[in-house]
PDB file of all heavy atoms in Angstrom:
ATOM      1  N   PRO A   1     136.085  88.716   8.983  1.00  0.00           N
ATOM      2  CA  PRO A   1     136.513  90.165   8.712  1.00  0.00           C
ATOM      3  C   PRO A   1     135.656  91.202   9.346  1.00  0.00           C
ATOM      4  O   PRO A   1     136.128  92.273   9.649  1.00  0.00           O
ATOM      5  CB  PRO A   1     136.387  90.280   7.162  1.00  0.00           C
ATOM      6  CG  PRO A   1     136.447  88.854   6.621  1.00  0.00           C
ATOM      7  CD  PRO A   1     135.841  87.976   7.768  1.00  0.00           C
ATOM      8  N   ASP A   2     134.417  90.880   9.596  1.00  0.00           N
ATOM      9  CA  ASP A   2     133.463  91.861  10.322  1.00  0.00           C
ATOM     10  C   ASP A   2     133.759  91.999  11.786  1.00  0.00           C
ATOM     11  O   ASP A   2     133.314  92.930  12.502  1.00  0.00           O
ATOM     12  CB  ASP A   2     132.046  91.406  10.222  1.00  0.00           C
ATOM     13  CG  ASP A   2     131.580  91.349   8.654  1.00  0.00           C
ATOM     14  OD1 ASP A   2     132.227  92.101   7.817  1.00  0.00           O
ATOM     15  OD2 ASP A   2     130.626  90.698   8.377  1.00  0.00           O
ATOM     16  N   LEU A   3     134.597  91.014  12.369  1.00  0.00           N
ATOM     17  CA  LEU A   3     134.901  91.042  13.783  1.00  0.00           C
ATOM     18  C   LEU A   3     136.365  91.130  14.126  1.00  0.00           C
ATOM     19  O   LEU A   3     136.730  91.565  15.220  1.00  0.00           O
ATOM     20  CB  LEU A   3     134.375  89.698  14.375  1.00  0.00           C
ATOM     21  CG  LEU A   3     132.842  89.391  14.168  1.00  0.00           C
ATOM     22  CD1 LEU A   3     132.609  88.009  14.744  1.00  0.00           C
ATOM     23  CD2 LEU A   3     132.020  90.360  14.897  1.00  0.00           C
ATOM     24  N   HIS A   4     137.187  90.886  13.127  1.00  0.00           N
ATOM     25  CA  HIS A   4     138.709  90.899  13.342  1.00  0.00           C
ATOM     26  C   HIS A   4     139.162  92.384  13.458  1.00  0.00           C
ATOM     27  O   HIS A   4     138.757  93.236  12.614  1.00  0.00           O
ATOM     28  CB  HIS A   4     139.421  90.212  12.287  1.00  0.00           C
ATOM     29  CG  HIS A   4     140.799  89.832  12.686  1.00  0.00           C
ATOM     30  ND1 HIS A   4     141.881  90.714  12.560  1.00  0.00           N
ATOM     31  CD2 HIS A   4     141.349  88.633  13.108  1.00  0.00           C
ATOM     32  CE1 HIS A   4     142.907  90.177  12.890  1.00  0.00           C
ATOM     33  NE2 HIS A   4     142.666  88.836  13.309  1.00  0.00           N
ATOM     34  N   PRO A   5     140.064  92.686  14.380  1.00  0.00           N
ATOM     35  CA  PRO A   5     140.518  94.122  14.559  1.00  0.00           C
ATOM     36  C   PRO A   5     141.409  94.574  13.390  1.00  0.00           C
ATOM     37  O   PRO A   5     141.599  95.729  13.320  1.00  0.00           O
ATOM     38  CB  PRO A   5     141.269  94.066  15.927  1.00  0.00           C
ATOM     39  CG  PRO A   5     141.586  92.668  16.120  1.00  0.00           C
ATOM     40  CD  PRO A   5     140.494  91.825  15.445  1.00  0.00           C
ATOM     41  N   ARG A   6     142.029  93.669  12.620  1.00  0.00           N
ATOM     42  CA  ARG A   6     143.044  94.140  11.621  1.00  0.00           C
ATOM     43  C   ARG A   6     142.646  93.812  10.163  1.00  0.00           C
ATOM     44  O   ARG A   6     142.970  94.584   9.295  1.00  0.00           O
ATOM     45  CB  ARG A   6     144.352  93.495  12.045  1.00  0.00           C
ATOM     46  CG  ARG A   6     145.494  94.098  11.101  1.00  0.00           C
ATOM     47  CD  ARG A   6     146.839  93.771  11.699  1.00  0.00           C
ATOM     48  NE  ARG A   6     147.839  94.227  10.792  1.00  0.00           N
ATOM     49  CZ  ARG A   6     149.055  94.031  10.906  1.00  0.00           C
ATOM     50  NH1 ARG A   6     149.516  93.353  11.929  1.00  0.00           N
ATOM     51  NH2 ARG A   6     149.952  94.397  10.045  1.00  0.00           N
ATOM     52  N   TYR A   7     142.138  92.633   9.942  1.00  0.00           N
ATOM     53  CA  TYR A   7     141.922  92.186   8.609  1.00  0.00           C
ATOM     54  C   TYR A   7     140.459  92.192   8.221  1.00  0.00           C
ATOM     55  O   TYR A   7     139.648  91.535   8.716  1.00  0.00           O
ATOM     56  CB  TYR A   7     142.439  90.751   8.509  1.00  0.00           C
ATOM     57  CG  TYR A   7     143.944  90.728   8.818  1.00  0.00           C
ATOM     58  CD1 TYR A   7     144.352  90.106   9.929  1.00  0.00           C
ATOM     59  CD2 TYR A   7     144.870  91.345   8.053  1.00  0.00           C
ATOM     60  CE1 TYR A   7     145.737  90.044  10.366  1.00  0.00           C
ATOM     61  CE2 TYR A   7     146.268  91.320   8.371  1.00  0.00           C
ATOM     62  CZ  TYR A   7     146.667  90.631   9.609  1.00  0.00           C
ATOM     63  OH  TYR A   7     147.967  90.645   9.884  1.00  0.00           O
ATOM     64  N   HIS A   8     140.150  92.949   7.230  1.00  0.00           N
ATOM     65  CA  HIS A   8     138.756  93.245   6.736  1.00  0.00           C
ATOM     66  C   HIS A   8     138.406  92.945   5.297  1.00  0.00           C
ATOM     67  O   HIS A   8     137.420  93.476   4.831  1.00  0.00           O
ATOM     68  CB  HIS A   8     138.328  94.704   7.093  1.00  0.00           C
ATOM     69  CG  HIS A   8     138.751  95.088   8.510  1.00  0.00           C
ATOM     70  ND1 HIS A   8     138.078  94.667   9.543  1.00  0.00           N
ATOM     71  CD2 HIS A   8     139.798  95.839   8.920  1.00  0.00           C
ATOM     72  CE1 HIS A   8     138.668  95.205  10.633  1.00  0.00           C
ATOM     73  NE2 HIS A   8     139.712  95.932  10.350  1.00  0.00           N
ATOM     74  N   TYR A   9     139.214  92.021   4.738  1.00  0.00           N
ATOM     75  CA  TYR A   9     138.822  91.605   3.385  1.00  0.00           C
ATOM     76  C   TYR A   9     138.056  90.315   3.306  1.00  0.00           C
ATOM     77  O   TYR A   9     138.248  89.403   4.180  1.00  0.00           O
ATOM     78  CB  TYR A   9     140.083  91.533   2.431  1.00  0.00           C
ATOM     79  CG  TYR A   9     141.184  90.640   2.989  1.00  0.00           C
ATOM     80  CD1 TYR A   9     141.368  89.362   2.450  1.00  0.00           C
ATOM     81  CD2 TYR A   9     142.154  91.097   3.953  1.00  0.00           C
ATOM     82  CE1 TYR A   9     142.333  88.518   2.910  1.00  0.00           C
ATOM     83  CE2 TYR A   9     143.124  90.285   4.371  1.00  0.00           C
ATOM     84  CZ  TYR A   9     143.270  89.034   3.867  1.00  0.00           C
ATOM     85  OH  TYR A   9     144.285  88.197   4.336  1.00  0.00           O
ATOM     86  N   ASN A  10     137.182  90.089   2.359  1.00  0.00           N
ATOM     87  CA  ASN A  10     136.232  88.972   2.362  1.00  0.00           C
ATOM     88  C   ASN A  10     136.992  87.650   2.312  1.00  0.00           C
ATOM     89  O   ASN A  10     136.489  86.631   2.847  1.00  0.00           O
ATOM     90  CB  ASN A  10     135.286  89.118   1.210  1.00  0.00           C
ATOM     91  CG  ASN A  10     134.076  88.179   1.332  1.00  0.00           C
ATOM     92  OD1 ASN A  10     133.535  88.047   2.473  1.00  0.00           O
ATOM     93  ND2 ASN A  10     133.742  87.477   0.255  1.00  0.00           N
ATOM     94  N   ALA A  11     138.136  87.534   1.658  1.00  0.00           N
ATOM     95  CA  ALA A  11     138.819  86.266   1.528  1.00  0.00           C
ATOM     96  C   ALA A  11     139.650  85.924   2.735  1.00  0.00           C
ATOM     97  O   ALA A  11     140.243  84.888   2.769  1.00  0.00           O
ATOM     98  CB  ALA A  11     139.810  86.314   0.329  1.00  0.00           C
ATOM     99  N   PHE A  12     139.629  86.790   3.746  1.00  0.00           N
ATOM    100  CA  PHE A  12     140.396  86.548   5.037  1.00  0.00           C
ATOM    101  C   PHE A  12     139.726  85.290   5.785  1.00  0.00           C
ATOM    102  O   PHE A  12     138.517  85.390   6.091  1.00  0.00           O
ATOM    103  CB  PHE A  12     140.440  87.709   5.931  1.00  0.00           C
ATOM    104  CG  PHE A  12     140.962  87.462   7.241  1.00  0.00           C
ATOM    105  CD1 PHE A  12     142.313  87.191   7.407  1.00  0.00           C
ATOM    106  CD2 PHE A  12     140.213  87.528   8.438  1.00  0.00           C
ATOM    107  CE1 PHE A  12     142.830  86.976   8.696  1.00  0.00           C
ATOM    108  CE2 PHE A  12     140.732  87.322   9.693  1.00  0.00           C
ATOM    109  CZ  PHE A  12     142.096  87.000   9.780  1.00  0.00           C
ATOM    110  N   ILE A  13     140.501  84.342   6.130  1.00  0.00           N
ATOM    111  CA  ILE A  13     139.986  83.202   6.944  1.00  0.00           C
ATOM    112  C   ILE A  13     141.040  82.868   8.069  1.00  0.00           C
ATOM    113  O   ILE A  13     140.884  81.781   8.647  1.00  0.00           O
ATOM    114  CB  ILE A  13     139.691  81.896   6.117  1.00  0.00           C
ATOM    115  CG1 ILE A  13     140.902  81.434   5.364  1.00  0.00           C
ATOM    116  CG2 ILE A  13     138.493  82.133   5.192  1.00  0.00           C
ATOM    117  CD1 ILE A  13     140.862  80.014   5.020  1.00  0.00           C
ATOM    118  N   GLY A  14     141.922  83.785   8.314  1.00  0.00           N
ATOM    119  CA  GLY A  14     142.833  83.484   9.449  1.00  0.00           C
ATOM    120  C   GLY A  14     142.292  83.680  10.750  1.00  0.00           C
ATOM    121  O   GLY A  14     141.020  83.875  10.996  1.00  0.00           O
ATOM    122  N   GLY A  15     143.165  83.495  11.793  1.00  0.00           N
ATOM    123  CA  GLY A  15     142.631  83.589  13.159  1.00  0.00           C
ATOM    124  C   GLY A  15     142.105  82.252  13.570  1.00  0.00           C
ATOM    125  O   GLY A  15     142.730  81.336  13.899  1.00  0.00           O
ATOM    126  N   ILE A  16     140.698  82.164  13.659  1.00  0.00           N
ATOM    127  CA  ILE A  16     140.096  80.985  14.149  1.00  0.00           C
ATOM    128  C   ILE A  16     139.180  80.487  13.139  1.00  0.00           C
ATOM    129  O   ILE A  16     138.088  81.022  12.764  1.00  0.00           O
ATOM    130  CB  ILE A  16     139.246  81.307  15.467  1.00  0.00           C
ATOM    131  CG1 ILE A  16     140.114  81.973  16.499  1.00  0.00           C
ATOM    132  CG2 ILE A  16     138.563  80.099  15.934  1.00  0.00           C
ATOM    133  CD1 ILE A  16     139.353  82.744  17.547  1.00  0.00           C
ATOM    134  N   LEU A  17     139.560  79.321  12.588  1.00  0.00           N
ATOM    135  CA  LEU A  17     138.755  78.619  11.555  1.00  0.00           C
ATOM    136  C   LEU A  17     138.499  77.251  12.007  1.00  0.00           C
ATOM    137  O   LEU A  17     139.378  76.431  12.309  1.00  0.00           O
ATOM    138  CB  LEU A  17     139.524  78.624  10.165  1.00  0.00           C
ATOM    139  CG  LEU A  17     138.823  77.834   9.072  1.00  0.00           C
ATOM    140  CD1 LEU A  17     137.549  78.582   8.560  1.00  0.00           C
ATOM    141  CD2 LEU A  17     139.779  77.637   7.934  1.00  0.00           C
ATOM    142  N   LEU A  18     137.275  76.878  12.147  1.00  0.00           N
ATOM    143  CA  LEU A  18     136.914  75.453  12.503  1.00  0.00           C
ATOM    144  C   LEU A  18     136.603  74.682  11.242  1.00  0.00           C
ATOM    145  O   LEU A  18     135.793  75.178  10.375  1.00  0.00           O
ATOM    146  CB  LEU A  18     135.638  75.405  13.367  1.00  0.00           C
ATOM    147  CG  LEU A  18     135.707  76.267  14.677  1.00  0.00           C
ATOM    148  CD1 LEU A  18     134.374  76.186  15.418  1.00  0.00           C
ATOM    149  CD2 LEU A  18     136.824  75.654  15.598  1.00  0.00           C
ATOM    150  N   ILE A  19     137.292  73.567  11.111  1.00  0.00           N
ATOM    151  CA  ILE A  19     137.134  72.770   9.834  1.00  0.00           C
ATOM    152  C   ILE A  19     137.203  71.271  10.254  1.00  0.00           C
ATOM    153  O   ILE A  19     138.054  70.916  11.001  1.00  0.00           O
ATOM    154  CB  ILE A  19     138.189  73.091   8.809  1.00  0.00           C
ATOM    155  CG1 ILE A  19     137.942  72.345   7.523  1.00  0.00           C
ATOM    156  CG2 ILE A  19     139.651  72.971   9.339  1.00  0.00           C
ATOM    157  CD1 ILE A  19     138.807  72.885   6.341  1.00  0.00           C
ATOM    158  N   LYS A  20     136.316  70.552   9.725  1.00  0.00           N
ATOM    159  CA  LYS A  20     136.335  69.160   9.947  1.00  0.00           C
ATOM    160  C   LYS A  20     137.312  68.417   9.268  1.00  0.00           C
ATOM    161  O   LYS A  20     137.830  68.838   8.236  1.00  0.00           O
ATOM    162  CB  LYS A  20     134.916  68.608   9.607  1.00  0.00           C
ATOM    163  CG  LYS A  20     133.815  69.059  10.577  1.00  0.00           C
ATOM    164  CD  LYS A  20     132.458  68.308  10.180  1.00  0.00           C
ATOM    165  CE  LYS A  20     131.422  68.750  11.182  1.00  0.00           C
ATOM    166  NZ  LYS A  20     130.165  68.047  10.977  1.00  0.00           N
ATOM    167  N   ARG A  21     137.700  67.262   9.760  1.00  0.00           N
ATOM    168  CA  ARG A  21     138.703  66.461   9.254  1.00  0.00           C
ATOM    169  C   ARG A  21     138.585  66.176   7.761  1.00  0.00           C
ATOM    170  O   ARG A  21     139.412  66.264   6.951  1.00  0.00           O
ATOM    171  CB  ARG A  21     138.913  65.193  10.028  1.00  0.00           C
ATOM    172  CG  ARG A  21     139.953  64.252   9.536  1.00  0.00           C
ATOM    173  CD  ARG A  21     139.947  62.950  10.354  1.00  0.00           C
ATOM    174  NE  ARG A  21     141.256  62.429  10.309  1.00  0.00           N
ATOM    175  CZ  ARG A  21     141.741  61.661  11.223  1.00  0.00           C
ATOM    176  NH1 ARG A  21     141.052  61.235  12.238  1.00  0.00           N
ATOM    177  NH2 ARG A  21     143.058  61.165  11.096  1.00  0.00           N
ATOM    178  N   GLU A  22     137.347  65.758   7.369  1.00  0.00           N
ATOM    179  CA  GLU A  22     137.084  65.353   5.991  1.00  0.00           C
ATOM    180  C   GLU A  22     137.284  66.550   5.014  1.00  0.00           C
ATOM    181  O   GLU A  22     137.720  66.375   3.894  1.00  0.00           O
ATOM    182  CB  GLU A  22     135.700  64.711   5.789  1.00  0.00           C
ATOM    183  CG  GLU A  22     134.516  65.671   6.099  1.00  0.00           C
ATOM    184  CD  GLU A  22     133.857  65.507   7.425  1.00  0.00           C
ATOM    185  OE1 GLU A  22     134.453  64.884   8.307  1.00  0.00           O
ATOM    186  OE2 GLU A  22     132.675  65.849   7.573  1.00  0.00           O
ATOM    187  N   HIS A  23     136.974  67.761   5.511  1.00  0.00           N
ATOM    188  CA  HIS A  23     137.172  68.910   4.607  1.00  0.00           C
ATOM    189  C   HIS A  23     138.635  69.274   4.570  1.00  0.00           C
ATOM    190  O   HIS A  23     139.115  69.660   3.479  1.00  0.00           O
ATOM    191  CB  HIS A  23     136.344  70.100   5.106  1.00  0.00           C
ATOM    192  CG  HIS A  23     134.899  69.940   5.003  1.00  0.00           C
ATOM    193  ND1 HIS A  23     133.993  70.208   6.031  1.00  0.00           N
ATOM    194  CD2 HIS A  23     134.166  69.434   4.026  1.00  0.00           C
ATOM    195  CE1 HIS A  23     132.825  69.845   5.675  1.00  0.00           C
ATOM    196  NE2 HIS A  23     132.797  69.397   4.408  1.00  0.00           N
ATOM    197  N   PHE A  24     139.310  69.102   5.626  1.00  0.00           N
ATOM    198  CA  PHE A  24     140.794  69.392   5.633  1.00  0.00           C
ATOM    199  C   PHE A  24     141.501  68.431   4.683  1.00  0.00           C
ATOM    200  O   PHE A  24     142.400  68.814   3.920  1.00  0.00           O
ATOM    201  CB  PHE A  24     141.367  69.314   7.078  1.00  0.00           C
ATOM    202  CG  PHE A  24     142.715  69.859   7.268  1.00  0.00           C
ATOM    203  CD1 PHE A  24     142.862  71.245   7.232  1.00  0.00           C
ATOM    204  CD2 PHE A  24     143.824  69.112   7.382  1.00  0.00           C
ATOM    205  CE1 PHE A  24     144.133  71.846   7.449  1.00  0.00           C
ATOM    206  CE2 PHE A  24     145.098  69.622   7.544  1.00  0.00           C
ATOM    207  CZ  PHE A  24     145.246  70.978   7.559  1.00  0.00           C
ATOM    208  N   ILE A  25     141.115  67.130   4.703  1.00  0.00           N
ATOM    209  CA  ILE A  25     141.732  66.184   3.789  1.00  0.00           C
ATOM    210  C   ILE A  25     141.285  66.474   2.315  1.00  0.00           C
ATOM    211  O   ILE A  25     142.090  66.414   1.357  1.00  0.00           O
ATOM    212  CB  ILE A  25     141.229  64.777   4.286  1.00  0.00           C
ATOM    213  CG1 ILE A  25     141.920  64.407   5.539  1.00  0.00           C
ATOM    214  CG2 ILE A  25     141.551  63.780   3.137  1.00  0.00           C
ATOM    215  CD1 ILE A  25     141.369  63.170   6.141  1.00  0.00           C
ATOM    216  N   GLN A  26     140.008  66.864   2.119  1.00  0.00           N
ATOM    217  CA  GLN A  26     139.568  67.170   0.783  1.00  0.00           C
ATOM    218  C   GLN A  26     140.339  68.283   0.112  1.00  0.00           C
ATOM    219  O   GLN A  26     140.604  68.178  -1.112  1.00  0.00           O
ATOM    220  CB  GLN A  26     138.071  67.626   0.915  1.00  0.00           C
ATOM    221  CG  GLN A  26     137.382  68.003  -0.388  1.00  0.00           C
ATOM    222  CD  GLN A  26     135.927  68.500  -0.195  1.00  0.00           C
ATOM    223  OE1 GLN A  26     135.380  68.491   0.840  1.00  0.00           O
ATOM    224  NE2 GLN A  26     135.415  69.064  -1.261  1.00  0.00           N
ATOM    225  N   VAL A  27     140.858  69.244   0.849  1.00  0.00           N
ATOM    226  CA  VAL A  27     141.570  70.334   0.270  1.00  0.00           C
ATOM    227  C   VAL A  27     143.120  70.066   0.400  1.00  0.00           C
ATOM    228  O   VAL A  27     143.922  70.902   0.031  1.00  0.00           O
ATOM    229  CB  VAL A  27     141.240  71.694   0.852  1.00  0.00           C
ATOM    230  CG1 VAL A  27     139.806  72.067   0.572  1.00  0.00           C
ATOM    231  CG2 VAL A  27     141.605  71.796   2.254  1.00  0.00           C
ATOM    232  N   ASN A  28     143.509  68.915   0.792  1.00  0.00           N
ATOM    233  CA  ASN A  28     144.938  68.511   0.964  1.00  0.00           C
ATOM    234  C   ASN A  28     145.613  69.467   2.036  1.00  0.00           C
ATOM    235  O   ASN A  28     146.756  69.719   1.863  1.00  0.00           O
ATOM    236  CB  ASN A  28     145.744  68.566  -0.353  1.00  0.00           C
ATOM    237  CG  ASN A  28     147.067  68.027  -0.249  1.00  0.00           C
ATOM    238  OD1 ASN A  28     147.255  67.080   0.564  1.00  0.00           O
ATOM    239  ND2 ASN A  28     147.955  68.372  -1.048  1.00  0.00           N
ATOM    240  N   GLY A  29     144.914  69.811   3.058  1.00  0.00           N
ATOM    241  CA  GLY A  29     145.403  70.587   4.175  1.00  0.00           C
ATOM    242  C   GLY A  29     146.022  71.871   3.721  1.00  0.00           C
ATOM    243  O   GLY A  29     145.512  72.489   2.717  1.00  0.00           O
ATOM    244  N   MET A  30     147.074  72.430   4.340  1.00  0.00           N
ATOM    245  CA  MET A  30     147.638  73.664   4.045  1.00  0.00           C
ATOM    246  C   MET A  30     149.027  73.534   3.290  1.00  0.00           C
ATOM    247  O   MET A  30     149.575  72.379   3.400  1.00  0.00           O
ATOM    248  CB  MET A  30     147.834  74.461   5.370  1.00  0.00           C
ATOM    249  CG  MET A  30     146.520  74.777   6.040  1.00  0.00           C
ATOM    250  SD  MET A  30     146.776  75.727   7.499  1.00  0.00           S
ATOM    251  CE  MET A  30     146.854  77.372   6.809  1.00  0.00           C
ATOM    252  N   SER A  31     149.329  74.489   2.636  1.00  0.00           N
ATOM    253  CA  SER A  31     150.648  74.440   1.914  1.00  0.00           C
ATOM    254  C   SER A  31     151.826  74.243   2.825  1.00  0.00           C
ATOM    255  O   SER A  31     151.760  74.715   4.070  1.00  0.00           O
ATOM    256  CB  SER A  31     150.757  75.756   1.098  1.00  0.00           C
ATOM    257  OG  SER A  31     152.147  75.772   0.638  1.00  0.00           O
ATOM    258  N   ASN A  32     152.825  73.517   2.424  1.00  0.00           N
ATOM    259  CA  ASN A  32     154.040  73.367   3.263  1.00  0.00           C
ATOM    260  C   ASN A  32     155.138  74.376   2.872  1.00  0.00           C
ATOM    261  O   ASN A  32     156.288  74.319   3.458  1.00  0.00           O
ATOM    262  CB  ASN A  32     154.666  71.947   2.939  1.00  0.00           C
ATOM    263  CG  ASN A  32     153.714  70.848   3.267  1.00  0.00           C
ATOM    264  OD1 ASN A  32     152.881  70.929   4.131  1.00  0.00           O
ATOM    265  ND2 ASN A  32     153.825  69.717   2.513  1.00  0.00           N
ATOM    266  N   LYS A  33     154.793  75.307   2.059  1.00  0.00           N
ATOM    267  CA  LYS A  33     155.789  76.345   1.676  1.00  0.00           C
ATOM    268  C   LYS A  33     155.789  77.562   2.573  1.00  0.00           C
ATOM    269  O   LYS A  33     156.629  78.466   2.407  1.00  0.00           O
ATOM    270  CB  LYS A  33     155.471  76.847   0.244  1.00  0.00           C
ATOM    271  CG  LYS A  33     155.708  75.669  -0.796  1.00  0.00           C
ATOM    272  CD  LYS A  33     155.485  76.125  -2.188  1.00  0.00           C
ATOM    273  CE  LYS A  33     155.880  74.985  -3.143  1.00  0.00           C
ATOM    274  NZ  LYS A  33     155.739  75.343  -4.561  1.00  0.00           N
ATOM    275  N   TYR A  34     154.946  77.571   3.554  1.00  0.00           N
ATOM    276  CA  TYR A  34     154.912  78.721   4.438  1.00  0.00           C
ATOM    277  C   TYR A  34     155.590  78.425   5.803  1.00  0.00           C
ATOM    278  O   TYR A  34     155.220  77.554   6.516  1.00  0.00           O
ATOM    279  CB  TYR A  34     153.423  79.182   4.697  1.00  0.00           C
ATOM    280  CG  TYR A  34     152.779  79.670   3.494  1.00  0.00           C
ATOM    281  CD1 TYR A  34     152.165  78.742   2.570  1.00  0.00           C
ATOM    282  CD2 TYR A  34     152.746  80.995   3.182  1.00  0.00           C
ATOM    283  CE1 TYR A  34     151.586  79.147   1.399  1.00  0.00           C
ATOM    284  CE2 TYR A  34     152.129  81.498   2.052  1.00  0.00           C
ATOM    285  CZ  TYR A  34     151.548  80.513   1.150  1.00  0.00           C
ATOM    286  OH  TYR A  34     150.982  81.086   0.065  1.00  0.00           O
ATOM    287  N   TRP A  35     156.670  79.239   6.038  1.00  0.00           N
ATOM    288  CA  TRP A  35     157.378  79.217   7.291  1.00  0.00           C
ATOM    289  C   TRP A  35     157.359  80.627   7.833  1.00  0.00           C
ATOM    290  O   TRP A  35     157.493  81.589   7.093  1.00  0.00           O
ATOM    291  CB  TRP A  35     158.834  78.690   7.084  1.00  0.00           C
ATOM    292  CG  TRP A  35     158.777  77.205   6.663  1.00  0.00           C
ATOM    293  CD1 TRP A  35     158.498  76.714   5.374  1.00  0.00           C
ATOM    294  CD2 TRP A  35     159.132  76.157   7.518  1.00  0.00           C
ATOM    295  NE1 TRP A  35     158.563  75.378   5.504  1.00  0.00           N
ATOM    296  CE2 TRP A  35     159.008  74.951   6.727  1.00  0.00           C
ATOM    297  CE3 TRP A  35     159.478  75.999   8.788  1.00  0.00           C
ATOM    298  CZ2 TRP A  35     159.231  73.710   7.241  1.00  0.00           C
ATOM    299  CZ3 TRP A  35     159.754  74.744   9.298  1.00  0.00           C
ATOM    300  CH2 TRP A  35     159.614  73.583   8.521  1.00  0.00           C
ATOM    301  N   GLY A  36     157.249  80.789   9.204  1.00  0.00           N
ATOM    302  CA  GLY A  36     157.087  82.139   9.709  1.00  0.00           C
ATOM    303  C   GLY A  36     155.606  82.493   9.744  1.00  0.00           C
ATOM    304  O   GLY A  36     154.743  81.649   9.706  1.00  0.00           O
ATOM    305  N   TRP A  37     155.339  83.766   9.648  1.00  0.00           N
ATOM    306  CA  TRP A  37     154.015  84.234   9.726  1.00  0.00           C
ATOM    307  C   TRP A  37     153.550  84.874   8.491  1.00  0.00           C
ATOM    308  O   TRP A  37     154.343  85.691   7.817  1.00  0.00           O
ATOM    309  CB  TRP A  37     153.860  85.184  10.910  1.00  0.00           C
ATOM    310  CG  TRP A  37     152.615  85.886  11.052  1.00  0.00           C
ATOM    311  CD1 TRP A  37     151.496  85.348  11.778  1.00  0.00           C
ATOM    312  CD2 TRP A  37     152.192  87.144  10.666  1.00  0.00           C
ATOM    313  NE1 TRP A  37     150.448  86.286  11.682  1.00  0.00           N
ATOM    314  CE2 TRP A  37     150.873  87.329  11.009  1.00  0.00           C
ATOM    315  CE3 TRP A  37     152.825  88.186   9.940  1.00  0.00           C
ATOM    316  CZ2 TRP A  37     150.153  88.475  10.701  1.00  0.00           C
ATOM    317  CZ3 TRP A  37     152.167  89.323   9.714  1.00  0.00           C
ATOM    318  CH2 TRP A  37     150.837  89.496  10.079  1.00  0.00           C
ATOM    319  N   GLY A  38     152.286  84.727   8.046  1.00  0.00           N
ATOM    320  CA  GLY A  38     151.726  85.443   6.997  1.00  0.00           C
ATOM    321  C   GLY A  38     151.445  84.706   5.688  1.00  0.00           C
ATOM    322  O   GLY A  38     152.222  83.918   5.246  1.00  0.00           O
ATOM    323  N   LEU A  39     150.267  84.922   5.118  1.00  0.00           N
ATOM    324  CA  LEU A  39     149.870  84.582   3.842  1.00  0.00           C
ATOM    325  C   LEU A  39     149.362  83.096   3.670  1.00  0.00           C
ATOM    326  O   LEU A  39     148.716  82.725   2.733  1.00  0.00           O
ATOM    327  CB  LEU A  39     150.844  84.836   2.677  1.00  0.00           C
ATOM    328  CG  LEU A  39     151.273  86.309   2.545  1.00  0.00           C
ATOM    329  CD1 LEU A  39     152.353  86.441   1.544  1.00  0.00           C
ATOM    330  CD2 LEU A  39     149.986  87.151   2.168  1.00  0.00           C
ATOM    331  N   GLU A  40     149.699  82.242   4.637  1.00  0.00           N
ATOM    332  CA  GLU A  40     149.295  80.847   4.567  1.00  0.00           C
ATOM    333  C   GLU A  40     147.807  80.728   4.591  1.00  0.00           C
ATOM    334  O   GLU A  40     147.207  79.880   3.928  1.00  0.00           O
ATOM    335  CB  GLU A  40     149.915  79.991   5.700  1.00  0.00           C
ATOM    336  CG  GLU A  40     149.354  80.189   7.115  1.00  0.00           C
ATOM    337  CD  GLU A  40     149.753  81.480   7.765  1.00  0.00           C
ATOM    338  OE1 GLU A  40     150.742  82.203   7.324  1.00  0.00           O
ATOM    339  OE2 GLU A  40     149.053  81.834   8.734  1.00  0.00           O
ATOM    340  N   ASP A  41     147.064  81.581   5.296  1.00  0.00           N
ATOM    341  CA  ASP A  41     145.611  81.378   5.336  1.00  0.00           C
ATOM    342  C   ASP A  41     145.030  81.946   4.066  1.00  0.00           C
ATOM    343  O   ASP A  41     143.957  81.425   3.659  1.00  0.00           O
ATOM    344  CB  ASP A  41     145.059  82.215   6.572  1.00  0.00           C
ATOM    345  CG  ASP A  41     145.666  83.582   6.684  1.00  0.00           C
ATOM    346  OD1 ASP A  41     146.480  83.931   5.967  1.00  0.00           O
ATOM    347  OD2 ASP A  41     145.215  84.340   7.708  1.00  0.00           O
ATOM    348  N   ASP A  42     145.606  82.937   3.341  1.00  0.00           N
ATOM    349  CA  ASP A  42     145.120  83.372   2.086  1.00  0.00           C
ATOM    350  C   ASP A  42     145.219  82.230   1.080  1.00  0.00           C
ATOM    351  O   ASP A  42     144.274  82.067   0.254  1.00  0.00           O
ATOM    352  CB  ASP A  42     145.887  84.498   1.546  1.00  0.00           C
ATOM    353  CG  ASP A  42     145.647  85.759   2.474  1.00  0.00           C
ATOM    354  OD1 ASP A  42     144.599  85.889   3.203  1.00  0.00           O
ATOM    355  OD2 ASP A  42     146.417  86.722   2.371  1.00  0.00           O
ATOM    356  N   GLU A  43     146.216  81.452   1.066  1.00  0.00           N
ATOM    357  CA  GLU A  43     146.406  80.399   0.158  1.00  0.00           C
ATOM    358  C   GLU A  43     145.411  79.248   0.532  1.00  0.00           C
ATOM    359  O   GLU A  43     144.837  78.624  -0.339  1.00  0.00           O
ATOM    360  CB  GLU A  43     147.907  79.803   0.159  1.00  0.00           C
ATOM    361  CG  GLU A  43     148.239  79.130  -1.041  1.00  0.00           C
ATOM    362  CD  GLU A  43     147.987  77.628  -1.113  1.00  0.00           C
ATOM    363  OE1 GLU A  43     147.612  77.010  -0.052  1.00  0.00           O
ATOM    364  OE2 GLU A  43     147.936  77.125  -2.263  1.00  0.00           O
ATOM    365  N   PHE A  44     145.207  79.065   1.762  1.00  0.00           N
ATOM    366  CA  PHE A  44     144.214  78.069   2.278  1.00  0.00           C
ATOM    367  C   PHE A  44     142.846  78.464   1.818  1.00  0.00           C
ATOM    368  O   PHE A  44     142.023  77.629   1.356  1.00  0.00           O
ATOM    369  CB  PHE A  44     144.311  77.883   3.693  1.00  0.00           C
ATOM    370  CG  PHE A  44     143.526  76.716   4.272  1.00  0.00           C
ATOM    371  CD1 PHE A  44     143.870  75.375   3.873  1.00  0.00           C
ATOM    372  CD2 PHE A  44     142.388  76.821   5.092  1.00  0.00           C
ATOM    373  CE1 PHE A  44     143.141  74.320   4.333  1.00  0.00           C
ATOM    374  CE2 PHE A  44     141.713  75.737   5.553  1.00  0.00           C
ATOM    375  CZ  PHE A  44     142.076  74.479   5.154  1.00  0.00           C
ATOM    376  N   TYR A  45     142.405  79.736   1.820  1.00  0.00           N
ATOM    377  CA  TYR A  45     141.111  80.183   1.308  1.00  0.00           C
ATOM    378  C   TYR A  45     141.002  79.772  -0.125  1.00  0.00           C
ATOM    379  O   TYR A  45     139.834  79.290  -0.433  1.00  0.00           O
ATOM    380  CB  TYR A  45     141.061  81.759   1.450  1.00  0.00           C
ATOM    381  CG  TYR A  45     139.855  82.243   0.836  1.00  0.00           C
ATOM    382  CD1 TYR A  45     138.609  82.261   1.525  1.00  0.00           C
ATOM    383  CD2 TYR A  45     139.781  82.792  -0.451  1.00  0.00           C
ATOM    384  CE1 TYR A  45     137.422  82.689   0.905  1.00  0.00           C
ATOM    385  CE2 TYR A  45     138.659  83.304  -1.097  1.00  0.00           C
ATOM    386  CZ  TYR A  45     137.506  83.292  -0.340  1.00  0.00           C
ATOM    387  OH  TYR A  45     136.360  83.746  -1.003  1.00  0.00           O
TER     388      TYR A  45
END
């Protein structure tokens, strides 16, 4: 949020997030309910 031109809230993790495989599996990946653009990263946070 300190570097992104548009999103400045602390829970923002969109854009570029590096995550290891074991952590991605640990959180069960991302939701399958998001199609199109928006909010999927907030849910992932």
